[in-house]
PDB file of N, CA and C in Angstrom:
ATOM      1  N   MET A   1       1.185  -1.318   0.014  1.00  0.00           N
ATOM      2  CA  MET A   1      -0.228  -0.076  -0.194  1.00  0.00           C
ATOM      3  C   MET A   1       0.871   1.115  -0.132  1.00  0.00           C
ATOM      4  N   ARG A   2       0.420   2.280  -0.762  1.00  0.00           N
ATOM      5  CA  ARG A   2       1.160   3.661  -0.777  1.00  0.00           C
ATOM      6  C   ARG A   2       0.665   4.411   0.395  1.00  0.00           C
ATOM      7  N   ASP A   3       1.510   5.507   0.571  1.00  0.00           N
ATOM      8  CA  ASP A   3       1.586   6.189   1.908  1.00  0.00           C
ATOM      9  C   ASP A   3      -0.183   6.915   1.725  1.00  0.00           C
ATOM     10  N   ILE A   4      -0.507   7.348   0.605  1.00  0.00           N
ATOM     11  CA  ILE A   4      -1.803   8.022   0.333  1.00  0.00           C
ATOM     12  C   ILE A   4      -2.576   6.896   0.575  1.00  0.00           C
ATOM     13  N   ASP A   5      -2.578   5.783   0.152  1.00  0.00           N
ATOM     14  CA  ASP A   5      -3.629   4.992   0.616  1.00  0.00           C
ATOM     15  C   ASP A   5      -3.848   4.598   2.179  1.00  0.00           C
ATOM     16  N   ILE A   6      -2.921   4.735   2.922  1.00  0.00           N
ATOM     17  CA  ILE A   6      -2.810   4.561   4.622  1.00  0.00           C
ATOM     18  C   ILE A   6      -3.481   5.911   4.914  1.00  0.00           C
ATOM     19  N   LYS A   7      -3.163   7.025   4.277  1.00  0.00           N
ATOM     20  CA  LYS A   7      -3.603   8.414   4.811  1.00  0.00           C
ATOM     21  C   LYS A   7      -5.150   8.539   4.558  1.00  0.00           C
ATOM     22  N   VAL A   8      -5.596   7.873   3.353  1.00  0.00           N
ATOM     23  CA  VAL A   8      -7.107   7.745   3.099  1.00  0.00           C
ATOM     24  C   VAL A   8      -7.819   7.101   4.278  1.00  0.00           C
ATOM     25  N   ILE A   9      -7.202   5.762   4.474  1.00  0.00           N
ATOM     26  CA  ILE A   9      -7.741   4.673   5.334  1.00  0.00           C
ATOM     27  C   ILE A   9      -8.133   5.350   6.659  1.00  0.00           C
ATOM     28  N   LYS A  10      -6.888   5.933   7.088  1.00  0.00           N
ATOM     29  CA  LYS A  10      -7.006   6.384   8.507  1.00  0.00           C
ATOM     30  C   LYS A  10      -8.005   7.439   8.530  1.00  0.00           C
ATOM     31  N   PHE A  11      -8.260   8.443   7.456  1.00  0.00           N
ATOM     32  CA  PHE A  11      -9.081   9.483   7.406  1.00  0.00           C
ATOM     33  C   PHE A  11     -10.547   8.864   7.709  1.00  0.00           C
ATOM     34  N   LEU A  12     -10.660   7.671   7.056  1.00  0.00           N
ATOM     35  CA  LEU A  12     -12.088   7.082   6.887  1.00  0.00           C
ATOM     36  C   LEU A  12     -12.351   6.532   8.358  1.00  0.00           C
ATOM     37  N   VAL A  13     -11.198   5.902   8.967  1.00  0.00           N
ATOM     38  CA  VAL A  13     -11.482   5.360  10.197  1.00  0.00           C
ATOM     39  C   VAL A  13     -11.744   6.108  11.194  1.00  0.00           C
ATOM     40  N   SER A  14     -11.161   7.244  10.894  1.00  0.00           N
ATOM     41  CA  SER A  14     -11.472   8.723  12.207  1.00  0.00           C
ATOM     42  C   SER A  14     -12.859   9.084  12.113  1.00  0.00           C
ATOM     43  N   GLY A  15     -13.669   8.785  11.155  1.00  0.00           N
ATOM     44  CA  GLY A  15     -14.849   9.713  11.201  1.00  0.00           C
ATOM     45  C   GLY A  15     -16.028   8.613  10.873  1.00  0.00           C
ATOM     46  N   LYS A  16     -17.221   8.856  10.718  1.00  0.00           N
ATOM     47  CA  LYS A  16     -18.619   8.309  10.404  1.00  0.00           C
ATOM     48  C   LYS A  16     -18.656   8.081   8.759  1.00  0.00           C
ATOM     49  N   ALA A  17     -18.778   9.322   7.970  1.00  0.00           N
ATOM     50  CA  ALA A  17     -19.213   9.226   6.846  1.00  0.00           C
ATOM     51  C   ALA A  17     -18.469  10.247   6.060  1.00  0.00           C
ATOM     52  N   TYR A  18     -18.174  10.046   4.881  1.00  0.00           N
ATOM     53  CA  TYR A  18     -17.523  11.194   4.134  1.00  0.00           C
ATOM     54  C   TYR A  18     -17.872  11.278   2.533  1.00  0.00           C
ATOM     55  N   SER A  19     -18.115  12.204   1.911  1.00  0.00           N
ATOM     56  CA  SER A  19     -18.038  12.278   0.640  1.00  0.00           C
ATOM     57  C   SER A  19     -16.689  12.157   0.110  1.00  0.00           C
ATOM     58  N   ASP A  20     -16.648  11.717  -1.383  1.00  0.00           N
ATOM     59  CA  ASP A  20     -15.339  11.736  -1.872  1.00  0.00           C
ATOM     60  C   ASP A  20     -14.563  13.124  -2.017  1.00  0.00           C
ATOM     61  N   THR A  21     -15.389  14.303  -2.065  1.00  0.00           N
ATOM     62  CA  THR A  21     -15.176  15.595  -2.166  1.00  0.00           C
ATOM     63  C   THR A  21     -14.391  15.751  -0.815  1.00  0.00           C
ATOM     64  N   ALA A  22     -14.911  15.340   0.368  1.00  0.00           N
ATOM     65  CA  ALA A  22     -14.643  15.836   1.909  1.00  0.00           C
ATOM     66  C   ALA A  22     -13.190  15.069   1.872  1.00  0.00           C
ATOM     67  N   ILE A  23     -13.194  13.821   1.340  1.00  0.00           N
ATOM     68  CA  ILE A  23     -11.948  12.804   1.601  1.00  0.00           C
ATOM     69  C   ILE A  23     -10.770  13.697   0.923  1.00  0.00           C
ATOM     70  N   MET A  24     -11.148  14.035  -0.575  1.00  0.00           N
ATOM     71  CA  MET A  24     -10.076  14.793  -1.364  1.00  0.00           C
ATOM     72  C   MET A  24      -9.700  16.087  -0.660  1.00  0.00           C
ATOM     73  N   LYS A  25     -10.457  16.928  -0.270  1.00  0.00           N
ATOM     74  CA  LYS A  25     -10.082  18.099   0.599  1.00  0.00           C
ATOM     75  C   LYS A  25      -9.175  17.910   1.656  1.00  0.00           C
ATOM     76  N   ASN A  26      -9.797  17.284   2.324  1.00  0.00           N
ATOM     77  CA  ASN A  26      -8.758  16.462   3.744  1.00  0.00           C
ATOM     78  C   ASN A  26      -7.681  15.804   3.507  1.00  0.00           C
ATOM     79  N   THR A  27      -7.525  15.244   2.558  1.00  0.00           N
ATOM     80  CA  THR A  27      -6.182  14.504   2.285  1.00  0.00           C
ATOM     81  C   THR A  27      -5.296  14.943   1.151  1.00  0.00           C
ATOM     82  N   GLY A  28      -5.738  16.125   0.729  1.00  0.00           N
ATOM     83  CA  GLY A  28      -5.218  16.696  -0.531  1.00  0.00           C
ATOM     84  C   GLY A  28      -4.609  15.997  -1.638  1.00  0.00           C
ATOM     85  N   ILE A  29      -5.871  15.198  -2.055  1.00  0.00           N
ATOM     86  CA  ILE A  29      -5.623  14.298  -3.294  1.00  0.00           C
ATOM     87  C   ILE A  29      -6.313  14.600  -4.352  1.00  0.00           C
ATOM     88  N   THR A  30      -6.062  14.248  -5.604  1.00  0.00           N
ATOM     89  CA  THR A  30      -7.088  14.360  -6.632  1.00  0.00           C
ATOM     90  C   THR A  30      -8.366  13.288  -6.645  1.00  0.00           C
ATOM     91  N   TYR A  31      -9.388  13.547  -7.564  1.00  0.00           N
ATOM     92  CA  TYR A  31     -10.373  12.207  -7.677  1.00  0.00           C
ATOM     93  C   TYR A  31      -9.685  10.692  -8.182  1.00  0.00           C
ATOM     94  N   ASP A  32      -8.714  11.171  -9.396  1.00  0.00           N
ATOM     95  CA  ASP A  32      -8.301  10.080  -9.761  1.00  0.00           C
ATOM     96  C   ASP A  32      -7.464   9.318  -8.635  1.00  0.00           C
ATOM     97  N   GLU A  33      -6.471   9.849  -7.992  1.00  0.00           N
ATOM     98  CA  GLU A  33      -5.733   9.496  -6.834  1.00  0.00           C
ATOM     99  C   GLU A  33      -6.701   8.558  -6.017  1.00  0.00           C
ATOM    100  N   LEU A  34      -7.915   9.213  -5.673  1.00  0.00           N
ATOM    101  CA  LEU A  34      -9.039   8.679  -4.704  1.00  0.00           C
ATOM    102  C   LEU A  34      -9.249   7.252  -5.342  1.00  0.00           C
ATOM    103  N   LYS A  35      -9.624   7.243  -6.753  1.00  0.00           N
ATOM    104  CA  LYS A  35     -10.342   6.107  -7.116  1.00  0.00           C
ATOM    105  C   LYS A  35      -9.516   5.009  -7.208  1.00  0.00           C
ATOM    106  N   THR A  36      -7.953   5.434  -7.536  1.00  0.00           N
ATOM    107  CA  THR A  36      -7.163   4.294  -7.243  1.00  0.00           C
ATOM    108  C   THR A  36      -6.707   3.848  -5.634  1.00  0.00           C
ATOM    109  N   SER A  37      -7.003   4.774  -4.850  1.00  0.00           N
ATOM    110  CA  SER A  37      -6.888   4.347  -3.512  1.00  0.00           C
ATOM    111  C   SER A  37      -7.695   3.329  -3.025  1.00  0.00           C
ATOM    112  N   TYR A  38      -9.206   3.789  -3.438  1.00  0.00           N
ATOM    113  CA  TYR A  38     -10.167   2.832  -3.117  1.00  0.00           C
ATOM    114  C   TYR A  38     -10.135   1.668  -3.692  1.00  0.00           C
ATOM    115  N   GLU A  39      -9.556   1.323  -4.983  1.00  0.00           N
ATOM    116  CA  GLU A  39      -9.325  -0.017  -5.684  1.00  0.00           C
ATOM    117  C   GLU A  39      -8.422  -0.693  -4.818  1.00  0.00           C
ATOM    118  N   ILE A  40      -7.107   0.043  -4.335  1.00  0.00           N
ATOM    119  CA  ILE A  40      -6.029  -0.745  -3.475  1.00  0.00           C
ATOM    120  C   ILE A  40      -6.668  -0.888  -2.197  1.00  0.00           C
ATOM    121  N   LEU A  41      -7.150  -0.282  -1.503  1.00  0.00           N
ATOM    122  CA  LEU A  41      -7.907  -0.465  -0.018  1.00  0.00           C
ATOM    123  C   LEU A  41      -8.831  -1.748  -0.398  1.00  0.00           C
ATOM    124  N   THR A  42      -9.605  -1.511  -1.339  1.00  0.00           N
ATOM    125  CA  THR A  42     -10.515  -2.857  -1.606  1.00  0.00           C
ATOM    126  C   THR A  42     -10.038  -4.160  -1.696  1.00  0.00           C
ATOM    127  N   GLU A  43      -8.739  -4.042  -2.583  1.00  0.00           N
ATOM    128  CA  GLU A  43      -7.982  -5.345  -3.029  1.00  0.00           C
ATOM    129  C   GLU A  43      -7.371  -5.941  -1.862  1.00  0.00           C
ATOM    130  N   ASN A  44      -7.160  -4.827  -0.822  1.00  0.00           N
ATOM    131  CA  ASN A  44      -6.255  -5.151   0.400  1.00  0.00           C
ATOM    132  C   ASN A  44      -7.354  -5.505   1.378  1.00  0.00           C
ATOM    133  N   GLY A  45      -8.602  -5.446   1.330  1.00  0.00           N
ATOM    134  CA  GLY A  45      -9.537  -5.968   2.318  1.00  0.00           C
ATOM    135  C   GLY A  45      -9.877  -4.912   3.411  1.00  0.00           C
ATOM    136  N   TYR A  46      -9.283  -3.603   2.962  1.00  0.00           N
ATOM    137  CA  TYR A  46      -9.977  -2.368   4.146  1.00  0.00           C
ATOM    138  C   TYR A  46     -10.993  -1.815   3.948  1.00  0.00           C
ATOM    139  N   LEU A  47     -11.671  -1.635   2.709  1.00  0.00           N
ATOM    140  CA  LEU A  47     -12.746  -1.350   2.066  1.00  0.00           C
ATOM    141  C   LEU A  47     -13.676  -2.453   1.471  1.00  0.00           C
ATOM    142  N   GLU A  48     -14.918  -2.311   1.403  1.00  0.00           N
ATOM    143  CA  GLU A  48     -15.815  -3.231   0.764  1.00  0.00           C
ATOM    144  C   GLU A  48     -17.150  -2.491   0.001  1.00  0.00           C
ATOM    145  N   ASN A  49     -17.438  -2.608  -1.051  1.00  0.00           N
ATOM    146  CA  ASN A  49     -18.926  -2.137  -1.415  1.00  0.00           C
ATOM    147  C   ASN A  49     -19.929  -2.137  -0.516  1.00  0.00           C
ATOM    148  N   TYR A  50     -20.769  -1.292  -0.858  1.00  0.00           N
ATOM    149  CA  TYR A  50     -22.104  -1.711   0.171  1.00  0.00           C
ATOM    150  C   TYR A  50     -23.034  -2.948  -0.217  1.00  0.00           C
ATOM    151  N   THR A  51     -22.837  -3.223  -1.527  1.00  0.00           N
ATOM    152  CA  THR A  51     -23.580  -4.478  -2.062  1.00  0.00           C
ATOM    153  C   THR A  51     -22.865  -5.571  -1.235  1.00  0.00           C
ATOM    154  N   ASP A  52     -21.695  -5.766  -1.436  1.00  0.00           N
ATOM    155  CA  ASP A  52     -20.698  -6.848  -0.795  1.00  0.00           C
ATOM    156  C   ASP A  52     -21.345  -7.044   0.587  1.00  0.00           C
ATOM    157  N   TYR A  53     -21.262  -5.606   1.456  1.00  0.00           N
ATOM    158  CA  TYR A  53     -21.503  -5.818   2.586  1.00  0.00           C
ATOM    159  C   TYR A  53     -22.732  -6.193   3.279  1.00  0.00           C
ATOM    160  N   LEU A  54     -23.888  -5.786   2.334  1.00  0.00           N
ATOM    161  CA  LEU A  54     -25.182  -6.393   2.584  1.00  0.00           C
ATOM    162  C   LEU A  54     -25.283  -7.834   2.030  1.00  0.00           C
ATOM    163  N   LEU A  55     -24.548  -8.589   1.011  1.00  0.00           N
ATOM    164  CA  LEU A  55     -24.775  -9.666   0.924  1.00  0.00           C
ATOM    165  C   LEU A  55     -24.077 -10.452   1.991  1.00  0.00           C
ATOM    166  N   ARG A  56     -22.877  -9.972   2.358  1.00  0.00           N
ATOM    167  CA  ARG A  56     -22.281 -10.718   3.617  1.00  0.00           C
ATOM    168  C   ARG A  56     -23.101 -10.875   4.807  1.00  0.00           C
ATOM    169  N   THR A  57     -23.496  -9.605   5.273  1.00  0.00           N
ATOM    170  CA  THR A  57     -24.232  -9.692   6.265  1.00  0.00           C
ATOM    171  C   THR A  57     -25.837  -9.829   6.453  1.00  0.00           C
ATOM    172  N   LYS A  58     -26.402 -10.146   5.390  1.00  0.00           N
ATOM    173  CA  LYS A  58     -27.907 -10.494   5.189  1.00  0.00           C
ATOM    174  C   LYS A  58     -28.256 -11.616   6.067  1.00  0.00           C
ATOM    175  N   ASN A  59     -27.442 -12.690   6.158  1.00  0.00           N
ATOM    176  CA  ASN A  59     -27.637 -13.855   6.644  1.00  0.00           C
ATOM    177  C   ASN A  59     -27.771 -13.461   8.182  1.00  0.00           C
ATOM    178  N   SER A  60     -26.720 -12.685   8.633  1.00  0.00           N
ATOM    179  CA  SER A  60     -26.901 -12.510  10.124  1.00  0.00           C
ATOM    180  C   SER A  60     -27.672 -11.563  10.616  1.00  0.00           C
ATOM    181  N   PHE A  61     -28.133 -11.003   9.883  1.00  0.00           N
ATOM    182  CA  PHE A  61     -29.373 -10.080  10.156  1.00  0.00           C
ATOM    183  C   PHE A  61     -30.604 -11.005  10.350  1.00  0.00           C
ATOM    184  N   ASN A  62     -30.836 -11.850   9.522  1.00  0.00           N
ATOM    185  CA  ASN A  62     -32.163 -12.568   9.748  1.00  0.00           C
ATOM    186  C   ASN A  62     -31.899 -14.103  10.043  1.00  0.00           C
ATOM    187  N   THR A  63     -31.076 -14.477  10.451  1.00  0.00           N
ATOM    188  CA  THR A  63     -30.748 -16.179  10.855  1.00  0.00           C
ATOM    189  C   THR A  63     -31.531 -16.371  12.211  1.00  0.00           C
ATOM    190  N   LYS A  64     -31.764 -15.204  13.147  1.00  0.00           N
ATOM    191  CA  LYS A  64     -32.451 -15.646  14.302  1.00  0.00           C
ATOM    192  C   LYS A  64     -34.117 -15.146  14.323  1.00  0.00           C
ATOM    193  N   ASN A  65     -33.996 -14.657  13.363  1.00  0.00           N
ATOM    194  CA  ASN A  65     -35.400 -13.719  13.435  1.00  0.00           C
ATOM    195  C   ASN A  65     -35.637 -13.098  11.961  1.00  0.00           C
ATOM    196  N   THR A  66     -37.079 -13.378  11.485  1.00  0.00           N
ATOM    197  CA  THR A  66     -37.393 -13.093  10.040  1.00  0.00           C
ATOM    198  C   THR A  66     -37.896 -11.610  10.226  1.00  0.00           C
ATOM    199  N   GLU A  67     -38.083 -10.893  11.464  1.00  0.00           N
ATOM    200  CA  GLU A  67     -38.533  -9.626  11.271  1.00  0.00           C
ATOM    201  C   GLU A  67     -37.229  -8.804  11.324  1.00  0.00           C
ATOM    202  N   CYS A  68     -37.034  -7.558  10.855  1.00  0.00           N
ATOM    203  CA  CYS A  68     -36.195  -6.639  10.758  1.00  0.00           C
ATOM    204  C   CYS A  68     -35.691  -6.103  11.990  1.00  0.00           C
ATOM    205  N   SER A  69     -36.789  -5.720  12.708  1.00  0.00           N
ATOM    206  CA  SER A  69     -36.453  -5.067  14.047  1.00  0.00           C
ATOM    207  C   SER A  69     -37.806  -5.466  14.799  1.00  0.00           C
ATOM    208  N   SER A  70     -37.818  -5.229  16.131  1.00  0.00           N
ATOM    209  CA  SER A  70     -39.224  -5.012  17.002  1.00  0.00           C
ATOM    210  C   SER A  70     -40.113  -3.942  16.650  1.00  0.00           C
ATOM    211  N   SER A  71     -39.247  -2.773  16.099  1.00  0.00           N
ATOM    212  CA  SER A  71     -39.682  -1.615  15.721  1.00  0.00           C
ATOM    213  C   SER A  71     -40.484  -1.372  14.104  1.00  0.00           C
ATOM    214  N   CYS A  72     -39.672  -2.279  13.501  1.00  0.00           N
ATOM    215  CA  CYS A  72     -40.047  -2.553  11.982  1.00  0.00           C
ATOM    216  C   CYS A  72     -41.774  -3.204  11.992  1.00  0.00           C
ATOM    217  N   GLY A  73     -41.647  -4.559  12.470  1.00  0.00           N
ATOM    218  CA  GLY A  73     -42.629  -5.276  12.640  1.00  0.00           C
ATOM    219  C   GLY A  73     -43.166  -6.048  11.107  1.00  0.00           C
ATOM    220  N   LYS A  74     -42.291  -5.717  10.369  1.00  0.00           N
ATOM    221  CA  LYS A  74     -42.745  -6.431   8.889  1.00  0.00           C
ATOM    222  C   LYS A  74     -41.550  -7.547   8.527  1.00  0.00           C
ATOM    223  N   ASN A  75     -41.987  -8.243   7.586  1.00  0.00           N
ATOM    224  CA  ASN A  75     -41.156  -9.447   7.525  1.00  0.00           C
ATOM    225  C   ASN A  75     -40.105  -9.095   6.386  1.00  0.00           C
ATOM    226  N   CYS A  76     -38.979  -9.366   6.677  1.00  0.00           N
ATOM    227  CA  CYS A  76     -37.970  -9.192   5.679  1.00  0.00           C
ATOM    228  C   CYS A  76     -37.718 -10.051   4.343  1.00  0.00           C
ATOM    229  N   SER A  77     -38.765 -11.048   4.284  1.00  0.00           N
ATOM    230  CA  SER A  77     -38.418 -12.066   3.135  1.00  0.00           C
ATOM    231  C   SER A  77     -38.327 -11.592   1.751  1.00  0.00           C
ATOM    232  N   GLY A  78     -38.614 -10.206   1.590  1.00  0.00           N
ATOM    233  CA  GLY A  78     -38.505  -9.606   0.134  1.00  0.00           C
ATOM    234  C   GLY A  78     -40.086  -9.801  -0.699  1.00  0.00           C
ATOM    235  N   ASN A  79     -40.830 -10.243   0.284  1.00  0.00           N
ATOM    236  CA  ASN A  79     -42.491 -10.272  -0.281  1.00  0.00           C
ATOM    237  C   ASN A  79     -43.102  -9.145  -0.055  1.00  0.00           C
ATOM    238  N   ASP A  80     -42.561  -8.306   0.797  1.00  0.00           N
ATOM    239  CA  ASP A  80     -43.289  -7.140   1.248  1.00  0.00           C
ATOM    240  C   ASP A  80     -42.568  -5.762   0.418  1.00  0.00           C
ATOM    241  N   GLU A  81     -42.948  -5.653  -0.608  1.00  0.00           N
ATOM    242  CA  GLU A  81     -42.287  -4.373  -1.269  1.00  0.00           C
ATOM    243  C   GLU A  81     -42.657  -2.850  -0.825  1.00  0.00           C
ATOM    244  N   LYS A  82     -43.570  -2.835   0.089  1.00  0.00           N
ATOM    245  CA  LYS A  82     -43.993  -1.512   0.717  1.00  0.00           C
ATOM    246  C   LYS A  82     -43.732  -1.409   2.015  1.00  0.00           C
ATOM    247  N   HIS A  83     -42.847  -2.251   2.721  1.00  0.00           N
ATOM    248  CA  HIS A  83     -42.456  -1.964   3.893  1.00  0.00           C
ATOM    249  C   HIS A  83     -41.704  -0.827   3.989  1.00  0.00           C
ATOM    250  N   SER A  84     -41.427  -0.276   5.343  1.00  0.00           N
ATOM    251  CA  SER A  84     -40.450   0.975   5.394  1.00  0.00           C
ATOM    252  C   SER A  84     -39.272   0.469   6.355  1.00  0.00           C
ATOM    253  N   CYS A  85     -39.047  -0.422   6.498  1.00  0.00           N
ATOM    254  CA  CYS A  85     -38.126  -0.937   7.693  1.00  0.00           C
ATOM    255  C   CYS A  85     -36.555  -0.816   6.861  1.00  0.00           C
ATOM    256  N   SER A  86     -36.000   0.319   7.718  1.00  0.00           N
ATOM    257  CA  SER A  86     -34.713   0.557   7.396  1.00  0.00           C
ATOM    258  C   SER A  86     -33.586  -0.320   7.334  1.00  0.00           C
ATOM    259  N   SER A  87     -33.911  -1.308   8.253  1.00  0.00           N
ATOM    260  CA  SER A  87     -32.665  -2.281   8.411  1.00  0.00           C
ATOM    261  C   SER A  87     -32.692  -3.630   7.403  1.00  0.00           C
ATOM    262  N   CYS A  88     -33.678  -3.687   6.305  1.00  0.00           N
ATOM    263  CA  CYS A  88     -34.188  -4.516   5.241  1.00  0.00           C
ATOM    264  C   CYS A  88     -33.228  -4.068   4.126  1.00  0.00           C
ATOM    265  N   SER A  89     -32.360  -4.832   3.587  1.00  0.00           N
ATOM    266  CA  SER A  89     -31.827  -4.284   2.247  1.00  0.00           C
ATOM    267  C   SER A  89     -32.602  -4.146   1.102  1.00  0.00           C
ATOM    268  N   ASN A  90     -33.802  -5.016   1.113  1.00  0.00           N
ATOM    269  CA  ASN A  90     -34.389  -4.926  -0.207  1.00  0.00           C
ATOM    270  C   ASN A  90     -35.453  -3.683  -0.551  1.00  0.00           C
ATOM    271  N   ASN A  91     -35.363  -2.917   0.692  1.00  0.00           N
ATOM    272  CA  ASN A  91     -36.366  -1.861   0.138  1.00  0.00           C
ATOM    273  C   ASN A  91     -35.499  -0.381   0.119  1.00  0.00           C
ATOM    274  N   ILE A  92     -34.391  -0.633  -0.145  1.00  0.00           N
ATOM    275  CA  ILE A  92     -33.663   0.589  -0.396  1.00  0.00           C
ATOM    276  C   ILE A  92     -33.116   0.203  -2.147  1.00  0.00           C
ATOM    277  N   PRO A  93     -33.386   1.464  -2.811  1.00  0.00           N
ATOM    278  CA  PRO A  93     -32.924   1.217  -4.360  1.00  0.00           C
ATOM    279  C   PRO A  93     -31.619   1.247  -4.419  1.00  0.00           C
ATOM    280  N   GLU A  94     -31.169   0.588  -5.128  1.00  0.00           N
ATOM    281  CA  GLU A  94     -29.631   0.406  -5.264  1.00  0.00           C
ATOM    282  C   GLU A  94     -28.907   1.608  -5.716  1.00  0.00           C
ATOM    283  N   GLU A  95     -29.674   2.396  -6.367  1.00  0.00           N
ATOM    284  CA  GLU A  95     -28.828   3.889  -6.826  1.00  0.00           C
ATOM    285  C   GLU A  95     -28.586   4.527  -5.653  1.00  0.00           C
ATOM    286  N   ASP A  96     -29.228   4.293  -4.284  1.00  0.00           N
ATOM    287  CA  ASP A  96     -28.873   5.051  -3.328  1.00  0.00           C
ATOM    288  C   ASP A  96     -27.658   4.658  -2.589  1.00  0.00           C
ATOM    289  N   TYR A  97     -27.211   3.435  -2.881  1.00  0.00           N
ATOM    290  CA  TYR A  97     -26.068   2.786  -2.208  1.00  0.00           C
ATOM    291  C   TYR A  97     -24.777   2.371  -3.221  1.00  0.00           C
ATOM    292  N   LYS A  98     -25.099   2.361  -4.351  1.00  0.00           N
ATOM    293  CA  LYS A  98     -24.109   1.638  -5.163  1.00  0.00           C
ATOM    294  C   LYS A  98     -22.634   2.153  -5.069  1.00  0.00           C
ATOM    295  N   ASN A  99     -22.550   3.349  -4.741  1.00  0.00           N
ATOM    296  CA  ASN A  99     -21.093   4.056  -4.586  1.00  0.00           C
ATOM    297  C   ASN A  99     -20.482   4.136  -3.100  1.00  0.00           C
ATOM    298  N   ILE A 100     -21.481   3.613  -2.277  1.00  0.00           N
ATOM    299  CA  ILE A 100     -20.753   3.525  -0.895  1.00  0.00           C
ATOM    300  C   ILE A 100     -19.772   2.639  -0.610  1.00  0.00           C
ATOM    301  N   LYS A 101     -18.883   2.958   0.020  1.00  0.00           N
ATOM    302  CA  LYS A 101     -17.797   2.237   0.621  1.00  0.00           C
ATOM    303  C   LYS A 101     -17.632   1.945   2.266  1.00  0.00           C
ATOM    304  N   VAL A 102     -17.613   0.617   2.384  1.00  0.00           N
ATOM    305  CA  VAL A 102     -17.662   0.045   3.921  1.00  0.00           C
ATOM    306  C   VAL A 102     -16.239  -0.027   4.558  1.00  0.00           C
ATOM    307  N   VAL A 103     -15.813   0.585   5.497  1.00  0.00           N
ATOM    308  CA  VAL A 103     -14.651   0.282   6.255  1.00  0.00           C
ATOM    309  C   VAL A 103     -14.872  -1.040   6.868  1.00  0.00           C
ATOM    310  N   THR A 104     -13.885  -1.906   6.651  1.00  0.00           N
ATOM    311  CA  THR A 104     -13.846  -3.323   7.015  1.00  0.00           C
ATOM    312  C   THR A 104     -13.566  -3.327   8.478  1.00  0.00           C
ATOM    313  N   GLU A 105     -13.694  -4.430   9.228  1.00  0.00           N
ATOM    314  CA  GLU A 105     -13.316  -4.967  10.418  1.00  0.00           C
ATOM    315  C   GLU A 105     -11.582  -5.005  10.418  1.00  0.00           C
ATOM    316  N   LYS A 106     -11.059  -5.062   9.305  1.00  0.00           N
ATOM    317  CA  LYS A 106      -9.492  -5.381   9.283  1.00  0.00           C
ATOM    318  C   LYS A 106      -8.867  -3.892   9.376  1.00  0.00           C
ATOM    319  N   ALA A 107      -9.772  -2.729   8.749  1.00  0.00           N
ATOM    320  CA  ALA A 107      -9.213  -1.366   8.707  1.00  0.00           C
ATOM    321  C   ALA A 107      -9.438  -0.832  10.081  1.00  0.00           C
ATOM    322  N   LEU A 108     -10.488  -1.104  10.986  1.00  0.00           N
ATOM    323  CA  LEU A 108     -10.636  -0.742  12.142  1.00  0.00           C
ATOM    324  C   LEU A 108      -9.539  -1.185  13.019  1.00  0.00           C
ATOM    325  N   LYS A 109      -9.211  -2.580  12.911  1.00  0.00           N
ATOM    326  CA  LYS A 109      -8.198  -3.101  14.050  1.00  0.00           C
ATOM    327  C   LYS A 109      -6.976  -2.576  13.833  1.00  0.00           C
ATOM    328  N   GLU A 110      -6.538  -2.274  12.406  1.00  0.00           N
ATOM    329  CA  GLU A 110      -5.252  -1.915  12.388  1.00  0.00           C
ATOM    330  C   GLU A 110      -4.955  -0.282  12.209  1.00  0.00           C
ATOM    331  N   PHE A 111      -6.045   0.422  12.228  1.00  0.00           N
ATOM    332  CA  PHE A 111      -6.052   1.845  11.955  1.00  0.00           C
ATOM    333  C   PHE A 111      -6.579   2.550  12.846  1.00  0.00           C
ATOM    334  N   GLU A 112      -7.401   1.996  13.521  1.00  0.00           N
ATOM    335  CA  GLU A 112      -8.108   2.913  14.815  1.00  0.00           C
ATOM    336  C   GLU A 112      -7.335   3.362  16.016  1.00  0.00           C
TER     337      GLU A 112
END
């Protein structure tokens, strides 16, 4: 990993959520450098895209209970397209999260 990649992941681990613009401004890099850094960090297991995160965690969310949460009260089976439970991945349009990057546990352990 390059120094710039370490700088980006440390910045991401230090906060909650950032836009690409905020990351570029705070780390002093260009958009192309950020895209390359995202690729390197993803390849090294420090970032994952939100779709992969949802697929990886979907079973853990629903293994003990098919309800989203006690406050939702609706089934997460995917058969109910009108429910509004925010913890169900199937009710969020993909365009709302297709570019989201998730900081992995590996990144937190190494850079927190």
